[in-house]
Amino acid sequence: MDKNNYYVYILLCSDATFYIGTSNDVDKRVATHNSGKGAKYTKFRRPVKLLYKEGLNSKSEALKREAELKKKTRKAKELFLQNHGINWQ
């Protein structure tokens, strides 16, 4: 794995909410979320399922993209996923 690549990712939580985060190893991070040791938000919303990940060139770019996606409304996030061919329901 190229450690210079960072990702922004979207998870579907067990309560049908979305969680957006960044990582340089998304599979490992999803496993951490599902073990209950990830973000406080996902701890009681397990299991989580990876819906989307997007590679970026730097941690800074990934964090900017994360902030951009988090600002979207729920409806806009659903549309974003739909436009990327992801059926989250």
PDB file of N, CA and C in Angstrom:
ATOM      1  N   MET A   1       0.846  -1.192   0.000  1.00  0.00           N
ATOM      2  CA  MET A   1       0.000   0.000   0.000  1.00  0.00           C
ATOM      3  C   MET A   1       0.882   1.243   0.000  1.00  0.00           C
ATOM      4  N   ASP A   2       0.533   2.194  -0.806  1.00  0.00           N
ATOM      5  CA  ASP A   2       1.271   3.451  -0.873  1.00  0.00           C
ATOM      6  C   ASP A   2       0.800   4.353   0.262  1.00  0.00           C
ATOM      7  N   LYS A   3       1.655   4.592   1.230  1.00  0.00           N
ATOM      8  CA  LYS A   3       1.283   5.381   2.404  1.00  0.00           C
ATOM      9  C   LYS A   3       1.072   6.861   2.078  1.00  0.00           C
ATOM     10  N   ASN A   4       1.408   7.278   0.865  1.00  0.00           N
ATOM     11  CA  ASN A   4       1.169   8.664   0.477  1.00  0.00           C
ATOM     12  C   ASN A   4      -0.275   8.908   0.059  1.00  0.00           C
ATOM     13  N   ASN A   5      -1.051   7.838  -0.065  1.00  0.00           N
ATOM     14  CA  ASN A   5      -2.450   8.000  -0.450  1.00  0.00           C
ATOM     15  C   ASN A   5      -3.332   8.039   0.778  1.00  0.00           C
ATOM     16  N   TYR A   6      -4.230   8.995   0.790  1.00  0.00           N
ATOM     17  CA  TYR A   6      -5.231   9.102   1.847  1.00  0.00           C
ATOM     18  C   TYR A   6      -6.604   9.002   1.206  1.00  0.00           C
ATOM     19  N   TYR A   7      -7.559   8.632   2.000  1.00  0.00           N
ATOM     20  CA  TYR A   7      -8.906   8.410   1.498  1.00  0.00           C
ATOM     21  C   TYR A   7      -9.919   9.108   2.378  1.00  0.00           C
ATOM     22  N   VAL A   8     -10.999   9.536   1.757  1.00  0.00           N
ATOM     23  CA  VAL A   8     -12.192   9.927   2.484  1.00  0.00           C
ATOM     24  C   VAL A   8     -13.165   8.781   2.232  1.00  0.00           C
ATOM     25  N   TYR A   9     -13.923   8.434   3.256  1.00  0.00           N
ATOM     26  CA  TYR A   9     -14.829   7.298   3.114  1.00  0.00           C
ATOM     27  C   TYR A   9     -16.167   7.609   3.764  1.00  0.00           C
ATOM     28  N   ILE A  10     -17.193   6.896   3.285  1.00  0.00           N
ATOM     29  CA  ILE A  10     -18.537   7.029   3.840  1.00  0.00           C
ATOM     30  C   ILE A  10     -18.989   5.651   4.304  1.00  0.00           C
ATOM     31  N   LEU A  11     -19.432   5.599   5.554  1.00  0.00           N
ATOM     32  CA  LEU A  11     -19.951   4.364   6.124  1.00  0.00           C
ATOM     33  C   LEU A  11     -21.458   4.476   6.306  1.00  0.00           C
ATOM     34  N   LEU A  12     -22.124   3.346   6.203  1.00  0.00           N
ATOM     35  CA  LEU A  12     -23.530   3.255   6.579  1.00  0.00           C
ATOM     36  C   LEU A  12     -23.565   2.591   7.949  1.00  0.00           C
ATOM     37  N   CYS A  13     -24.133   3.291   8.910  1.00  0.00           N
ATOM     38  CA  CYS A  13     -24.232   2.758  10.268  1.00  0.00           C
ATOM     39  C   CYS A  13     -25.509   1.928  10.410  1.00  0.00           C
ATOM     40  N   SER A  14     -25.569   1.129  11.474  1.00  0.00           N
ATOM     41  CA  SER A  14     -26.717   0.241  11.682  1.00  0.00           C
ATOM     42  C   SER A  14     -28.031   0.990  11.868  1.00  0.00           C
ATOM     43  N   ASP A  15     -27.974   2.266  12.254  1.00  0.00           N
ATOM     44  CA  ASP A  15     -29.196   3.067  12.410  1.00  0.00           C
ATOM     45  C   ASP A  15     -29.521   3.862  11.142  1.00  0.00           C
ATOM     46  N   ALA A  16     -28.889   3.484  10.033  1.00  0.00           N
ATOM     47  CA  ALA A  16     -29.110   4.090   8.703  1.00  0.00           C
ATOM     48  C   ALA A  16     -28.563   5.509   8.587  1.00  0.00           C
ATOM     49  N   THR A  17     -27.701   5.923   9.517  1.00  0.00           N
ATOM     50  CA  THR A  17     -27.035   7.212   9.379  1.00  0.00           C
ATOM     51  C   THR A  17     -25.712   7.004   8.648  1.00  0.00           C
ATOM     52  N   PHE A  18     -25.158   8.084   8.144  1.00  0.00           N
ATOM     53  CA  PHE A  18     -23.866   8.025   7.464  1.00  0.00           C
ATOM     54  C   PHE A  18     -22.775   8.556   8.374  1.00  0.00           C
ATOM     55  N   TYR A  19     -21.599   7.983   8.251  1.00  0.00           N
ATOM     56  CA  TYR A  19     -20.417   8.489   8.944  1.00  0.00           C
ATOM     57  C   TYR A  19     -19.369   8.748   7.875  1.00  0.00           C
ATOM     58  N   ILE A  20     -18.728   9.897   7.926  1.00  0.00           N
ATOM     59  CA  ILE A  20     -17.703  10.256   6.948  1.00  0.00           C
ATOM     60  C   ILE A  20     -16.391  10.464   7.687  1.00  0.00           C
ATOM     61  N   GLY A  21     -15.328   9.847   7.180  1.00  0.00           N
ATOM     62  CA  GLY A  21     -14.028   9.980   7.815  1.00  0.00           C
ATOM     63  C   GLY A  21     -12.905   9.917   6.802  1.00  0.00           C
ATOM     64  N   THR A  22     -11.668   9.987   7.301  1.00  0.00           N
ATOM     65  CA  THR A  22     -10.486   9.884   6.448  1.00  0.00           C
ATOM     66  C   THR A  22      -9.545   8.841   7.033  1.00  0.00           C
ATOM     67  N   SER A  23      -8.745   8.238   6.160  1.00  0.00           N
ATOM     68  CA  SER A  23      -7.771   7.247   6.601  1.00  0.00           C
ATOM     69  C   SER A  23      -6.781   6.983   5.477  1.00  0.00           C
ATOM     70  N   ASN A  24      -5.625   6.425   5.840  1.00  0.00           N
ATOM     71  CA  ASN A  24      -4.694   5.963   4.812  1.00  0.00           C
ATOM     72  C   ASN A  24      -4.807   4.448   4.645  1.00  0.00           C
ATOM     73  N   ASP A  25      -5.699   3.809   5.420  1.00  0.00           N
ATOM     74  CA  ASP A  25      -5.973   2.373   5.306  1.00  0.00           C
ATOM     75  C   ASP A  25      -7.444   2.152   5.669  1.00  0.00           C
ATOM     76  N   VAL A  26      -8.296   2.280   4.677  1.00  0.00           N
ATOM     77  CA  VAL A  26      -9.738   2.267   4.915  1.00  0.00           C
ATOM     78  C   VAL A  26     -10.211   0.919   5.463  1.00  0.00           C
ATOM     79  N   ASP A  27      -9.729  -0.188   4.914  1.00  0.00           N
ATOM     80  CA  ASP A  27     -10.181  -1.497   5.397  1.00  0.00           C
ATOM     81  C   ASP A  27      -9.871  -1.677   6.879  1.00  0.00           C
ATOM     82  N   LYS A  28      -8.672  -1.287   7.272  1.00  0.00           N
ATOM     83  CA  LYS A  28      -8.276  -1.376   8.677  1.00  0.00           C
ATOM     84  C   LYS A  28      -9.141  -0.454   9.537  1.00  0.00           C
ATOM     85  N   ARG A  29      -9.432   0.732   9.028  1.00  0.00           N
ATOM     86  CA  ARG A  29     -10.239   1.697   9.773  1.00  0.00           C
ATOM     87  C   ARG A  29     -11.669   1.198   9.952  1.00  0.00           C
ATOM     88  N   VAL A  30     -12.238   0.601   8.907  1.00  0.00           N
ATOM     89  CA  VAL A  30     -13.598   0.051   9.010  1.00  0.00           C
ATOM     90  C   VAL A  30     -13.617  -1.067  10.057  1.00  0.00           C
ATOM     91  N   ALA A  31     -12.598  -1.912  10.061  1.00  0.00           N
ATOM     92  CA  ALA A  31     -12.502  -2.978  11.066  1.00  0.00           C
ATOM     93  C   ALA A  31     -12.423  -2.382  12.471  1.00  0.00           C
ATOM     94  N   THR A  32     -11.695  -1.282  12.610  1.00  0.00           N
ATOM     95  CA  THR A  32     -11.585  -0.602  13.908  1.00  0.00           C
ATOM     96  C   THR A  32     -12.949  -0.068  14.334  1.00  0.00           C
ATOM     97  N   HIS A  33     -13.679   0.537  13.398  1.00  0.00           N
ATOM     98  CA  HIS A  33     -15.029   1.017  13.707  1.00  0.00           C
ATOM     99  C   HIS A  33     -15.900  -0.155  14.165  1.00  0.00           C
ATOM    100  N   ASN A  34     -15.840  -1.262  13.452  1.00  0.00           N
ATOM    101  CA  ASN A  34     -16.690  -2.414  13.772  1.00  0.00           C
ATOM    102  C   ASN A  34     -16.280  -3.121  15.054  1.00  0.00           C
ATOM    103  N   SER A  35     -15.081  -2.884  15.526  1.00  0.00           N
ATOM    104  CA  SER A  35     -14.644  -3.475  16.792  1.00  0.00           C
ATOM    105  C   SER A  35     -15.081  -2.621  17.982  1.00  0.00           C
ATOM    106  N   GLY A  36     -15.637  -1.435  17.692  1.00  0.00           N
ATOM    107  CA  GLY A  36     -16.072  -0.539  18.755  1.00  0.00           C
ATOM    108  C   GLY A  36     -14.986   0.411  19.213  1.00  0.00           C
ATOM    109  N   LYS A  37     -13.839   0.385  18.544  1.00  0.00           N
ATOM    110  CA  LYS A  37     -12.715   1.233  18.934  1.00  0.00           C
ATOM    111  C   LYS A  37     -12.493   2.395  17.968  1.00  0.00           C
ATOM    112  N   GLY A  38     -13.417   2.588  17.041  1.00  0.00           N
ATOM    113  CA  GLY A  38     -13.286   3.696  16.095  1.00  0.00           C
ATOM    114  C   GLY A  38     -13.824   4.968  16.714  1.00  0.00           C
ATOM    115  N   ALA A  39     -14.494   5.742  15.944  1.00  0.00           N
ATOM    116  CA  ALA A  39     -15.052   7.013  16.413  1.00  0.00           C
ATOM    117  C   ALA A  39     -16.167   6.775  17.428  1.00  0.00           C
ATOM    118  N   LYS A  40     -16.321   7.717  18.324  1.00  0.00           N
ATOM    119  CA  LYS A  40     -17.388   7.646  19.324  1.00  0.00           C
ATOM    120  C   LYS A  40     -18.751   7.513  18.632  1.00  0.00           C
ATOM    121  N   TYR A  41     -18.899   8.200  17.498  1.00  0.00           N
ATOM    122  CA  TYR A  41     -20.175   8.178  16.773  1.00  0.00           C
ATOM    123  C   TYR A  41     -20.563   6.768  16.349  1.00  0.00           C
ATOM    124  N   THR A  42     -19.607   5.986  15.886  1.00  0.00           N
ATOM    125  CA  THR A  42     -19.921   4.649  15.360  1.00  0.00           C
ATOM    126  C   THR A  42     -19.959   3.574  16.439  1.00  0.00           C
ATOM    127  N   LYS A  43     -19.454   3.869  17.619  1.00  0.00           N
ATOM    128  CA  LYS A  43     -19.351   2.857  18.678  1.00  0.00           C
ATOM    129  C   LYS A  43     -20.676   2.156  18.968  1.00  0.00           C
ATOM    130  N   PHE A  44     -21.758   2.913  19.012  1.00  0.00           N
ATOM    131  CA  PHE A  44     -23.067   2.335  19.316  1.00  0.00           C
ATOM    132  C   PHE A  44     -23.956   2.218  18.081  1.00  0.00           C
ATOM    133  N   ARG A  45     -23.350   2.331  16.924  1.00  0.00           N
ATOM    134  CA  ARG A  45     -24.090   2.234  15.656  1.00  0.00           C
ATOM    135  C   ARG A  45     -23.511   1.130  14.784  1.00  0.00           C
ATOM    136  N   ARG A  46     -22.983   0.097  15.410  1.00  0.00           N
ATOM    137  CA  ARG A  46     -22.378  -1.021  14.695  1.00  0.00           C
ATOM    138  C   ARG A  46     -23.431  -2.077  14.388  1.00  0.00           C
ATOM    139  N   PRO A  47     -23.205  -2.869  13.355  1.00  0.00           N
ATOM    140  CA  PRO A  47     -22.028  -2.809  12.478  1.00  0.00           C
ATOM    141  C   PRO A  47     -22.144  -1.678  11.461  1.00  0.00           C
ATOM    142  N   VAL A  48     -20.992  -1.260  10.975  1.00  0.00           N
ATOM    143  CA  VAL A  48     -20.951  -0.263   9.909  1.00  0.00           C
ATOM    144  C   VAL A  48     -20.533  -0.957   8.618  1.00  0.00           C
ATOM    145  N   LYS A  49     -20.942  -0.369   7.508  1.00  0.00           N
ATOM    146  CA  LYS A  49     -20.638  -0.940   6.196  1.00  0.00           C
ATOM    147  C   LYS A  49     -20.024   0.153   5.324  1.00  0.00           C
ATOM    148  N   LEU A  50     -18.924  -0.164   4.677  1.00  0.00           N
ATOM    149  CA  LEU A  50     -18.288   0.792   3.773  1.00  0.00           C
ATOM    150  C   LEU A  50     -19.127   0.946   2.515  1.00  0.00           C
ATOM    151  N   LEU A  51     -19.496   2.191   2.222  1.00  0.00           N
ATOM    152  CA  LEU A  51     -20.268   2.476   1.012  1.00  0.00           C
ATOM    153  C   LEU A  51     -19.405   3.077  -0.083  1.00  0.00           C
ATOM    154  N   TYR A  52     -18.449   3.928   0.297  1.00  0.00           N
ATOM    155  CA  TYR A  52     -17.728   4.727  -0.694  1.00  0.00           C
ATOM    156  C   TYR A  52     -16.363   5.098  -0.143  1.00  0.00           C
ATOM    157  N   LYS A  53     -15.365   5.082  -1.032  1.00  0.00           N
ATOM    158  CA  LYS A  53     -14.067   5.655  -0.671  1.00  0.00           C
ATOM    159  C   LYS A  53     -13.491   6.357  -1.884  1.00  0.00           C
ATOM    160  N   GLU A  54     -12.771   7.415  -1.610  1.00  0.00           N
ATOM    161  CA  GLU A  54     -12.198   8.262  -2.657  1.00  0.00           C
ATOM    162  C   GLU A  54     -10.749   8.554  -2.289  1.00  0.00           C
ATOM    163  N   GLY A  55      -9.833   8.184  -3.172  1.00  0.00           N
ATOM    164  CA  GLY A  55      -8.412   8.412  -2.933  1.00  0.00           C
ATOM    165  C   GLY A  55      -8.009   9.848  -3.216  1.00  0.00           C
ATOM    166  N   LEU A  56      -7.147  10.377  -2.354  1.00  0.00           N
ATOM    167  CA  LEU A  56      -6.632  11.733  -2.517  1.00  0.00           C
ATOM    168  C   LEU A  56      -5.125  11.710  -2.318  1.00  0.00           C
ATOM    169  N   ASN A  57      -4.457  12.759  -2.744  1.00  0.00           N
ATOM    170  CA  ASN A  57      -2.994  12.782  -2.754  1.00  0.00           C
ATOM    171  C   ASN A  57      -2.345  13.067  -1.410  1.00  0.00           C
ATOM    172  N   SER A  58      -3.086  13.678  -0.493  1.00  0.00           N
ATOM    173  CA  SER A  58      -2.485  14.034   0.789  1.00  0.00           C
ATOM    174  C   SER A  58      -3.535  14.003   1.890  1.00  0.00           C
ATOM    175  N   LYS A  59      -3.047  13.968   3.119  1.00  0.00           N
ATOM    176  CA  LYS A  59      -3.940  14.003   4.269  1.00  0.00           C
ATOM    177  C   LYS A  59      -4.733  15.307   4.270  1.00  0.00           C
ATOM    178  N   SER A  60      -4.069  16.393   3.921  1.00  0.00           N
ATOM    179  CA  SER A  60      -4.716  17.698   3.871  1.00  0.00           C
ATOM    180  C   SER A  60      -5.886  17.695   2.884  1.00  0.00           C
ATOM    181  N   GLU A  61      -5.672  17.139   1.694  1.00  0.00           N
ATOM    182  CA  GLU A  61      -6.740  17.064   0.694  1.00  0.00           C
ATOM    183  C   GLU A  61      -7.886  16.195   1.202  1.00  0.00           C
ATOM    184  N   ALA A  62      -7.551  15.079   1.851  1.00  0.00           N
ATOM    185  CA  ALA A  62      -8.583  14.177   2.371  1.00  0.00           C
ATOM    186  C   ALA A  62      -9.423  14.867   3.441  1.00  0.00           C
ATOM    187  N   LEU A  63      -8.771  15.620   4.321  1.00  0.00           N
ATOM    188  CA  LEU A  63      -9.502  16.327   5.376  1.00  0.00           C
ATOM    189  C   LEU A  63     -10.405  17.420   4.799  1.00  0.00           C
ATOM    190  N   LYS A  64      -9.935  18.097   3.757  1.00  0.00           N
ATOM    191  CA  LYS A  64     -10.761  19.117   3.090  1.00  0.00           C
ATOM    192  C   LYS A  64     -11.984  18.471   2.451  1.00  0.00           C
ATOM    193  N   ARG A  65     -11.762  17.339   1.800  1.00  0.00           N
ATOM    194  CA  ARG A  65     -12.863  16.624   1.140  1.00  0.00           C
ATOM    195  C   ARG A  65     -13.855  16.101   2.179  1.00  0.00           C
ATOM    196  N   GLU A  66     -13.338  15.606   3.295  1.00  0.00           N
ATOM    197  CA  GLU A  66     -14.200  15.138   4.378  1.00  0.00           C
ATOM    198  C   GLU A  66     -15.108  16.274   4.857  1.00  0.00           C
ATOM    199  N   ALA A  67     -14.529  17.435   5.096  1.00  0.00           N
ATOM    200  CA  ALA A  67     -15.304  18.590   5.565  1.00  0.00           C
ATOM    201  C   ALA A  67     -16.373  18.974   4.541  1.00  0.00           C
ATOM    202  N   GLU A  68     -15.992  18.939   3.269  1.00  0.00           N
ATOM    203  CA  GLU A  68     -16.922  19.268   2.180  1.00  0.00           C
ATOM    204  C   GLU A  68     -18.116  18.311   2.170  1.00  0.00           C
ATOM    205  N   LEU A  69     -17.838  17.012   2.300  1.00  0.00           N
ATOM    206  CA  LEU A  69     -18.912  16.019   2.284  1.00  0.00           C
ATOM    207  C   LEU A  69     -19.780  16.112   3.532  1.00  0.00           C
ATOM    208  N   LYS A  70     -19.171  16.379   4.677  1.00  0.00           N
ATOM    209  CA  LYS A  70     -19.931  16.477   5.922  1.00  0.00           C
ATOM    210  C   LYS A  70     -20.899  17.654   5.910  1.00  0.00           C
ATOM    211  N   LYS A  71     -20.584  18.697   5.162  1.00  0.00           N
ATOM    212  CA  LYS A  71     -21.449  19.881   5.094  1.00  0.00           C
ATOM    213  C   LYS A  71     -22.730  19.620   4.304  1.00  0.00           C
ATOM    214  N   LYS A  72     -22.719  18.590   3.483  1.00  0.00           N
ATOM    215  CA  LYS A  72     -23.894  18.290   2.663  1.00  0.00           C
ATOM    216  C   LYS A  72     -25.070  17.859   3.546  1.00  0.00           C
ATOM    217  N   THR A  73     -26.267  18.156   3.085  1.00  0.00           N
ATOM    218  CA  THR A  73     -27.466  17.684   3.782  1.00  0.00           C
ATOM    219  C   THR A  73     -27.585  16.176   3.585  1.00  0.00           C
ATOM    220  N   ARG A  74     -28.432  15.574   4.377  1.00  0.00           N
ATOM    221  CA  ARG A  74     -28.674  14.121   4.234  1.00  0.00           C
ATOM    222  C   ARG A  74     -29.116  13.815   2.803  1.00  0.00           C
ATOM    223  N   LYS A  75     -30.037  14.596   2.285  1.00  0.00           N
ATOM    224  CA  LYS A  75     -30.553  14.374   0.929  1.00  0.00           C
ATOM    225  C   LYS A  75     -29.417  14.490  -0.097  1.00  0.00           C
ATOM    226  N   ALA A  76     -28.548  15.478   0.078  1.00  0.00           N
ATOM    227  CA  ALA A  76     -27.429  15.664  -0.849  1.00  0.00           C
ATOM    228  C   ALA A  76     -26.442  14.492  -0.766  1.00  0.00           C
ATOM    229  N   LYS A  77     -26.248  13.948   0.432  1.00  0.00           N
ATOM    230  CA  LYS A  77     -25.373  12.778   0.584  1.00  0.00           C
ATOM    231  C   LYS A  77     -25.979  11.571  -0.122  1.00  0.00           C
ATOM    232  N   GLU A  78     -27.284  11.400   0.020  1.00  0.00           N
ATOM    233  CA  GLU A  78     -27.969  10.297  -0.670  1.00  0.00           C
ATOM    234  C   GLU A  78     -27.826  10.438  -2.183  1.00  0.00           C
ATOM    235  N   LEU A  79     -27.997  11.647  -2.682  1.00  0.00           N
ATOM    236  CA  LEU A  79     -27.866  11.914  -4.115  1.00  0.00           C
ATOM    237  C   LEU A  79     -26.432  11.670  -4.579  1.00  0.00           C
ATOM    238  N   PHE A  80     -25.462  12.099  -3.789  1.00  0.00           N
ATOM    239  CA  PHE A  80     -24.047  11.867  -4.087  1.00  0.00           C
ATOM    240  C   PHE A  80     -23.785  10.371  -4.247  1.00  0.00           C
ATOM    241  N   LEU A  81     -24.270   9.569  -3.304  1.00  0.00           N
ATOM    242  CA  LEU A  81     -24.080   8.117  -3.375  1.00  0.00           C
ATOM    243  C   LEU A  81     -24.782   7.539  -4.603  1.00  0.00           C
ATOM    244  N   GLN A  82     -25.998   7.980  -4.837  1.00  0.00           N
ATOM    245  CA  GLN A  82     -26.760   7.516  -6.001  1.00  0.00           C
ATOM    246  C   GLN A  82     -26.010   7.833  -7.300  1.00  0.00           C
ATOM    247  N   ASN A  83     -25.451   9.029  -7.387  1.00  0.00           N
ATOM    248  CA  ASN A  83     -24.715   9.442  -8.585  1.00  0.00           C
ATOM    249  C   ASN A  83     -23.433   8.638  -8.782  1.00  0.00           C
ATOM    250  N   HIS A  84     -22.968   7.992  -7.729  1.00  0.00           N
ATOM    251  CA  HIS A  84     -21.781   7.129  -7.820  1.00  0.00           C
ATOM    252  C   HIS A  84     -22.178   5.647  -7.913  1.00  0.00           C
ATOM    253  N   GLY A  85     -23.457   5.399  -8.216  1.00  0.00           N
ATOM    254  CA  GLY A  85     -23.920   4.035  -8.428  1.00  0.00           C
ATOM    255  C   GLY A  85     -24.017   3.206  -7.156  1.00  0.00           C
ATOM    256  N   ILE A  86     -24.182   3.871  -6.015  1.00  0.00           N
ATOM    257  CA  ILE A  86     -24.220   3.163  -4.737  1.00  0.00           C
ATOM    258  C   ILE A  86     -25.637   3.173  -4.200  1.00  0.00           C
ATOM    259  N   ASN A  87     -26.201   1.973  -4.059  1.00  0.00           N
ATOM    260  CA  ASN A  87     -27.525   1.818  -3.464  1.00  0.00           C
ATOM    261  C   ASN A  87     -27.311   1.488  -1.992  1.00  0.00           C
ATOM    262  N   TRP A  88     -27.503   2.432  -1.123  1.00  0.00           N
ATOM    263  CA  TRP A  88     -27.214   2.259   0.299  1.00  0.00           C
ATOM    264  C   TRP A  88     -28.365   1.654   1.082  1.00  0.00           C
ATOM    265  N   GLN A  89     -29.548   1.609   0.467  1.00  0.00           N
ATOM    266  CA  GLN A  89     -30.727   1.125   1.209  1.00  0.00           C
ATOM    267  C   GLN A  89     -30.812  -0.377   1.251  1.00  0.00           C
TER     268      GLN A  89
END
